[in-house]
Structure formats: C-alpha cells, structure tokens
Amino acid sequence: MAKDNNPAGEAVQPKRRRGIYLLPNLITTGAMFAGFYAVVAGIDGHFTAGVLAIFVALALDTADGRVARATKTESEFGAQYDSLSDMVAFGFAPALLAFTWGVVTLGNVGWVATFIYLACAALRLARFNTSGDNHSFTGLASPSAASLVACLVWTLTESYGPGLQSAQAPVVVLAVVTAATGLLMVSNFDYYSPKFIQLRGRVPFVTLVIAVLVLALALLDPPRVLLALFTCYALSGPAGWLWKRARAPKQVDAEIETTEPPDSAA
C-alpha cells in the first residue's frame, strides 16, 4: 500500500514554471543582433553600416532598461542577458571595426590595441554587474566607449575611404584612441550618467534652444560632430579628476585657516 504523504488532505500547490519576461529581453535581443550585424558589416568592409548598427544597438540598449522599469519586468536574467548583449555590441563590434578598418596593418601592435579595448570592455561590464552605478559611472561606460570608437571609424571612412589603409597617421591614431578608450573604461574616473536625466521635468527655455542647435550641427556633419561630443564626454572624467586635484590644496589651506585659533593678545 502506498504511503500517504499528505495525511491532512491539504491541497497540493502545483509548481510554478519559471519563465522570462518577453518584451525587455526581446529588445535586448535586437540590440545583440545590431551588434552582430556591425561585426558582419565590418568584415565585409561596410564600415558606415557597421557604425550605424552600433548606434541602433545603443538606442535599443537604452530602451530595454526603461521598458523593464516602466513595466516592472526587471529580472536577474534580464540583467545578465543585457550584459552579454553589451559585450557583443559595445565590446567586440567596435574592436573589430577598428581592426578591420586599418589597425590590422600595424601587425602585433594592432592586435594588442584592439585586444586592450575588448578586455577592458569585459572588465567594465563585470565591474558594473558586481557593483553597479548610481548617478555617476566609475570608468567610461561601454556604450559611450563604443560610440567614440565607432564615430572615429566613421570619420576616417568619410575622410579616407573604406579600410585597410597602410600604416600611416590615421591608422596609428585609431589604434591609440581604441586602446586609450579601453583603459578609460576600467579607470576610476567619475562620469555623469545620462540615463538619470529626467525628460519629464521642466527646464529653462534656453536648454531647448541649445538642444536644437546641437541637433542642427549634428545634421550638418554627423560623424565629426558626434565624434567631438563623445570625445568631450570621454575627456570629462580625467578633466574632472584634475580639477579636483587642483582644488584640493586650496580647500586644505582654507580649512587650516578656519580651524587655526586667533593669536592671543600680548
């Protein structure tokens, strides 16, 4: 006779099947596909298409997090899946675009420069997954780093044509910028986080005017204007660090002056 494991006659609750949220993970998949397309475009020599695919991945990467928060469908699976998608779109794709455009002509130096970027992107994503960022980033975020490298490839393509250039100044510049951008990702410089910009709040009228002017300039020459913007953002971290270091001695002197007791009268 079979043993009764439920002598009290209590109703047995069926086990809930584990699943994943479809909408945000579908957007993440789209970002990964855009990164994969950028890789294929770079291999085929279609560098402008590859750069635009990285920007599509950037837009989708921004959208999946906002959609997940708005629909309350955030999950640990989604966070890890998003990180893997970022590695494809913002780690591997920009490194390959830079390498195939012309860094490959530098031989071992080219391999090292692009691998530094790739390894630093992986380290940056791993650090973000374990520590997270709030209203500021520690180190340059991988989407911004990818955008900087992609805009430089785009600008060089517009100026010199599609890749595989000989070992000349533009190739050397691309290799140096790629490696330096990778190192900025794993640096301890603080960067402002654009994802916390509140678009629903009221802003001064001049803010809208500035936004329209920036958009107009970007439409005149998208690769160079975007390259300038992302370069300024990448340099804002080291610039802020230098500014704090320069102000530190003055702040120390001011604190000493305020805490120093007045001389007693003779």
Protein backbone atom coordinates (compact mmCIF):
# COMPACT_ATOMS: atom_id res chain seq x y z
CA MET A 1 0.00 0.00 0.00
CA ALA A 2 1.41 3.38 -0.99
CA LYS A 3 2.34 5.69 1.82
CA ASP A 4 0.16 8.80 2.09
CA ASN A 5 2.49 11.82 2.04
CA ASN A 6 -0.43 14.21 2.62
CA PRO A 7 -2.35 12.80 5.59
CA ALA A 8 -4.15 16.05 6.36
CA GLY A 9 -5.68 16.16 2.91
CA GLU A 10 -4.22 19.57 2.16
CA ALA A 11 -4.37 20.79 -1.42
CA VAL A 12 -1.03 20.46 -3.19
CA GLN A 13 0.01 23.63 -4.96
CA PRO A 14 1.38 22.95 -8.44
CA LYS A 15 4.91 24.12 -9.07
CA ARG A 16 5.10 27.38 -10.94
CA ARG A 17 7.04 27.22 -14.14
CA ARG A 18 9.91 29.59 -14.36
CA GLY A 19 9.87 31.92 -17.31
CA ILE A 20 11.36 35.15 -18.60
CA TYR A 21 9.81 38.47 -19.46
CA LEU A 22 9.37 38.68 -23.21
CA LEU A 23 9.32 42.39 -24.07
CA PRO A 24 12.55 43.71 -22.48
CA ASN A 25 14.51 40.59 -23.43
CA LEU A 26 13.23 40.85 -27.00
CA ILE A 27 14.58 44.40 -27.17
CA THR A 28 17.89 43.16 -25.74
CA THR A 29 17.98 40.51 -28.46
CA GLY A 30 17.50 43.26 -31.04
CA ALA A 31 20.50 45.11 -29.58
CA MET A 32 22.58 41.94 -29.79
CA PHE A 33 21.53 41.42 -33.40
CA ALA A 34 22.56 45.02 -34.21
CA GLY A 35 25.96 44.31 -32.69
CA PHE A 36 26.26 41.11 -34.68
CA TYR A 37 25.32 42.97 -37.85
CA ALA A 38 28.05 45.54 -37.09
CA VAL A 39 30.58 42.70 -36.89
CA VAL A 40 29.45 41.24 -40.22
CA ALA A 41 29.44 44.69 -41.85
CA GLY A 42 32.98 45.32 -40.60
CA ILE A 43 34.20 42.01 -42.02
CA ASP A 44 32.61 42.86 -45.38
CA GLY A 45 34.12 46.34 -45.39
CA HIS A 46 30.83 48.21 -44.92
CA PHE A 47 32.08 50.41 -42.10
CA THR A 48 29.41 53.10 -42.19
CA ALA A 49 26.69 50.47 -41.93
CA GLY A 50 28.56 48.87 -39.04
CA VAL A 51 28.79 52.19 -37.20
CA LEU A 52 25.09 52.87 -37.67
CA ALA A 53 24.31 49.38 -36.37
CA ILE A 54 26.23 50.19 -33.17
CA PHE A 55 24.08 53.29 -32.71
CA VAL A 56 20.96 51.17 -33.22
CA ALA A 57 22.27 48.84 -30.51
CA LEU A 58 22.84 51.89 -28.29
CA ALA A 59 19.23 53.02 -28.73
CA LEU A 60 17.86 49.54 -28.04
CA ASP A 61 20.14 49.12 -25.02
CA THR A 62 18.70 52.33 -23.58
CA ALA A 63 15.17 51.24 -24.38
CA ASP A 64 15.25 47.76 -22.79
CA GLY A 65 16.12 49.07 -19.33
CA ARG A 66 13.50 51.81 -19.47
CA VAL A 67 10.86 49.36 -20.70
CA ALA A 68 11.74 46.89 -17.95
CA ARG A 69 11.43 49.56 -15.27
CA ALA A 70 8.23 51.01 -16.72
CA THR A 71 6.50 47.61 -16.99
CA LYS A 72 8.02 46.27 -13.74
CA THR A 73 9.60 43.35 -15.60
CA GLU A 74 13.15 43.70 -14.26
CA SER A 75 14.87 40.40 -13.51
CA GLU A 76 18.31 38.98 -12.78
CA PHE A 77 18.13 37.04 -16.04
CA GLY A 78 17.47 40.23 -17.96
CA ALA A 79 20.42 41.98 -16.32
CA GLN A 80 22.83 39.18 -17.23
CA TYR A 81 21.42 38.85 -20.74
CA ASP A 82 21.79 42.60 -21.25
CA SER A 83 25.42 42.39 -20.18
CA LEU A 84 26.14 39.65 -22.74
CA SER A 85 24.42 41.72 -25.42
CA ASP A 86 26.54 44.73 -24.47
CA MET A 87 29.70 42.65 -24.81
CA VAL A 88 28.78 41.86 -28.42
CA ALA A 89 27.55 45.32 -29.43
CA PHE A 90 29.90 47.55 -27.41
CA GLY A 91 32.89 45.29 -26.88
CA PHE A 92 33.50 43.02 -29.83
CA ALA A 93 31.87 45.06 -32.62
CA PRO A 94 33.82 48.35 -32.14
CA ALA A 95 37.11 46.49 -31.69
CA LEU A 96 36.56 44.56 -34.91
CA LEU A 97 35.51 47.68 -36.84
CA ALA A 98 38.70 49.44 -35.77
CA PHE A 99 40.82 46.38 -36.51
CA THR A 100 39.45 45.73 -39.99
CA TRP A 101 39.44 49.41 -40.99
CA GLY A 102 43.20 49.61 -40.76
CA VAL A 103 44.64 48.71 -37.36
CA VAL A 104 45.33 45.25 -38.78
CA THR A 105 48.14 46.81 -40.87
CA LEU A 106 50.07 47.57 -37.67
CA GLY A 107 50.72 43.87 -37.06
CA ASN A 108 51.13 42.82 -33.44
CA VAL A 109 50.61 46.38 -32.26
CA GLY A 110 47.18 46.38 -33.86
CA TRP A 111 46.27 43.09 -32.20
CA VAL A 112 47.33 44.43 -28.82
CA ALA A 113 45.49 47.75 -29.20
CA THR A 114 42.17 46.18 -30.11
CA PHE A 115 42.52 43.40 -27.53
CA ILE A 116 43.10 46.00 -24.81
CA TYR A 117 39.77 47.57 -25.75
CA LEU A 118 37.99 44.20 -25.84
CA ALA A 119 39.39 43.02 -22.50
CA CYS A 120 38.66 46.34 -20.81
CA ALA A 121 35.07 46.25 -22.09
CA ALA A 122 34.61 42.82 -20.50
CA LEU A 123 36.16 44.02 -17.23
CA ARG A 124 33.97 47.15 -17.25
CA LEU A 125 30.81 45.10 -17.68
CA ALA A 126 31.87 42.65 -14.99
CA ARG A 127 32.55 45.51 -12.56
CA PHE A 128 29.17 47.04 -13.34
CA ASN A 129 27.40 43.72 -12.71
CA THR A 130 29.05 43.28 -9.31
CA SER A 131 28.98 46.84 -8.01
CA GLY A 132 26.52 48.79 -10.13
CA ASP A 133 26.49 52.53 -10.80
CA ASN A 134 24.15 55.18 -9.46
CA HIS A 135 24.10 58.79 -10.59
CA SER A 136 27.66 58.56 -11.87
CA PHE A 137 29.73 55.95 -13.66
CA THR A 138 33.08 54.73 -12.37
CA GLY A 139 35.01 54.49 -15.60
CA LEU A 140 33.72 55.29 -19.07
CA ALA A 141 30.56 53.28 -19.82
CA SER A 142 30.91 50.73 -22.60
CA PRO A 143 28.17 52.26 -24.83
CA SER A 144 29.96 55.63 -24.74
CA ALA A 145 33.32 53.98 -25.42
CA ALA A 146 31.85 52.06 -28.36
CA SER A 147 30.28 55.24 -29.73
CA LEU A 148 33.62 57.08 -29.55
CA VAL A 149 35.49 54.36 -31.45
CA ALA A 150 32.63 53.96 -33.94
CA CYS A 151 32.48 57.71 -34.64
CA LEU A 152 36.22 57.79 -35.23
CA VAL A 153 35.93 54.89 -37.71
CA TRP A 154 33.02 56.72 -39.37
CA THR A 155 35.01 59.96 -39.63
CA LEU A 156 38.06 58.20 -41.05
CA THR A 157 35.88 56.35 -43.55
CA GLU A 158 34.38 59.65 -44.73
CA SER A 159 37.85 61.20 -44.99
CA TYR A 160 39.99 58.37 -46.35
CA GLY A 161 37.54 55.82 -47.73
CA PRO A 162 36.92 52.25 -46.52
CA GLY A 163 39.61 50.50 -44.52
CA LEU A 164 42.80 48.53 -44.84
CA GLN A 165 44.92 51.66 -45.06
CA SER A 166 48.68 51.47 -44.93
CA ALA A 167 50.42 52.11 -41.61
CA GLN A 168 50.04 55.89 -41.59
CA ALA A 169 48.92 58.57 -39.17
CA PRO A 170 45.13 57.86 -39.26
CA VAL A 171 45.68 54.18 -38.50
CA VAL A 172 48.04 54.98 -35.63
CA VAL A 173 45.55 57.49 -34.24
CA LEU A 174 42.77 54.92 -34.43
CA ALA A 175 44.88 52.32 -32.63
CA VAL A 176 45.89 54.75 -29.87
CA VAL A 177 42.32 56.02 -29.37
CA THR A 178 40.95 52.46 -29.29
CA ALA A 179 43.41 51.35 -26.62
CA ALA A 180 43.06 54.58 -24.61
CA THR A 181 39.26 54.34 -24.69
CA GLY A 182 39.51 50.81 -23.36
CA LEU A 183 41.70 51.99 -20.47
CA LEU A 184 39.21 54.75 -19.66
CA MET A 185 36.55 52.07 -19.20
CA VAL A 186 38.48 50.44 -16.35
CA SER A 187 39.71 53.71 -14.83
CA ASN A 188 38.43 55.19 -11.57
CA PHE A 189 37.38 58.46 -13.17
CA ASP A 190 33.81 59.54 -12.40
CA TYR A 191 31.43 60.17 -15.31
CA TYR A 192 27.98 61.66 -15.19
CA SER A 193 25.27 59.11 -16.00
CA PRO A 194 22.97 60.38 -18.80
CA LYS A 195 20.36 57.70 -18.04
CA PHE A 196 19.26 59.66 -14.97
CA ILE A 197 18.31 62.73 -16.97
CA GLN A 198 14.67 63.48 -16.22
CA LEU A 199 12.97 64.31 -19.51
CA ARG A 200 9.58 64.93 -17.88
CA GLY A 201 10.72 67.80 -15.66
CA ARG A 202 10.67 71.47 -16.55
CA VAL A 203 13.85 73.04 -17.90
CA PRO A 204 14.80 76.62 -18.80
CA PHE A 205 13.82 77.70 -22.29
CA VAL A 206 17.47 78.16 -23.27
CA THR A 207 18.01 74.42 -22.74
CA LEU A 208 15.66 73.65 -25.62
CA VAL A 209 17.42 76.23 -27.80
CA ILE A 210 20.81 74.62 -27.09
CA ALA A 211 19.39 71.16 -27.88
CA VAL A 212 18.05 72.41 -31.23
CA LEU A 213 21.43 73.98 -32.10
CA VAL A 214 23.30 70.78 -31.25
CA LEU A 215 20.87 68.77 -33.37
CA ALA A 216 21.30 71.18 -36.29
CA LEU A 217 25.09 70.94 -36.07
CA ALA A 218 24.89 67.14 -35.89
CA LEU A 219 22.81 67.07 -39.07
CA LEU A 220 25.41 69.18 -40.90
CA ASP A 221 28.25 66.71 -40.30
CA PRO A 222 27.10 63.76 -38.16
CA PRO A 223 30.38 61.80 -37.86
CA ARG A 224 32.56 64.73 -36.82
CA VAL A 225 30.01 66.40 -34.55
CA LEU A 226 29.21 63.15 -32.76
CA LEU A 227 32.93 62.36 -32.52
CA ALA A 228 33.51 65.74 -30.87
CA LEU A 229 30.65 65.20 -28.41
CA PHE A 230 31.73 61.70 -27.38
CA THR A 231 35.36 62.83 -27.15
CA CYS A 232 34.39 65.65 -24.80
CA TYR A 233 32.39 63.24 -22.67
CA ALA A 234 35.30 60.75 -22.55
CA LEU A 235 37.68 63.53 -21.51
CA SER A 236 35.29 64.87 -18.86
CA GLY A 237 36.37 62.12 -16.46
CA PRO A 238 40.12 62.92 -16.46
CA ALA A 239 39.32 66.66 -16.59
CA GLY A 240 37.11 66.39 -13.51
CA TRP A 241 39.79 64.43 -11.68
CA LEU A 242 42.43 67.07 -12.50
CA TRP A 243 40.05 69.83 -11.40
CA LYS A 244 39.51 68.15 -8.03
CA ARG A 245 43.24 67.63 -7.57
CA ALA A 246 43.92 71.29 -8.38
CA ARG A 247 41.30 72.47 -5.89
CA ALA A 248 42.34 70.09 -3.12
CA PRO A 249 45.35 72.14 -1.82
CA LYS A 250 43.23 75.31 -1.76
CA GLN A 251 40.49 73.56 0.23
CA VAL A 252 43.05 72.22 2.71
CA ASP A 253 44.52 75.71 3.19
CA ALA A 254 41.04 77.15 3.72
CA GLU A 255 40.22 74.51 6.34
CA ILE A 256 43.50 75.22 8.16
CA GLU A 257 42.75 78.94 8.21
CA THR A 258 39.25 78.43 9.63
CA THR A 259 40.35 75.98 12.34
CA GLU A 260 43.51 77.89 13.37
CA PRO A 261 42.91 79.77 16.68
CA PRO A 262 43.45 83.54 16.64
CA ASP A 263 46.67 84.89 18.10
CA SER A 264 46.29 85.89 21.71
CA ALA A 265 46.99 89.49 22.56
CA ALA A 266 50.35 90.13 24.16
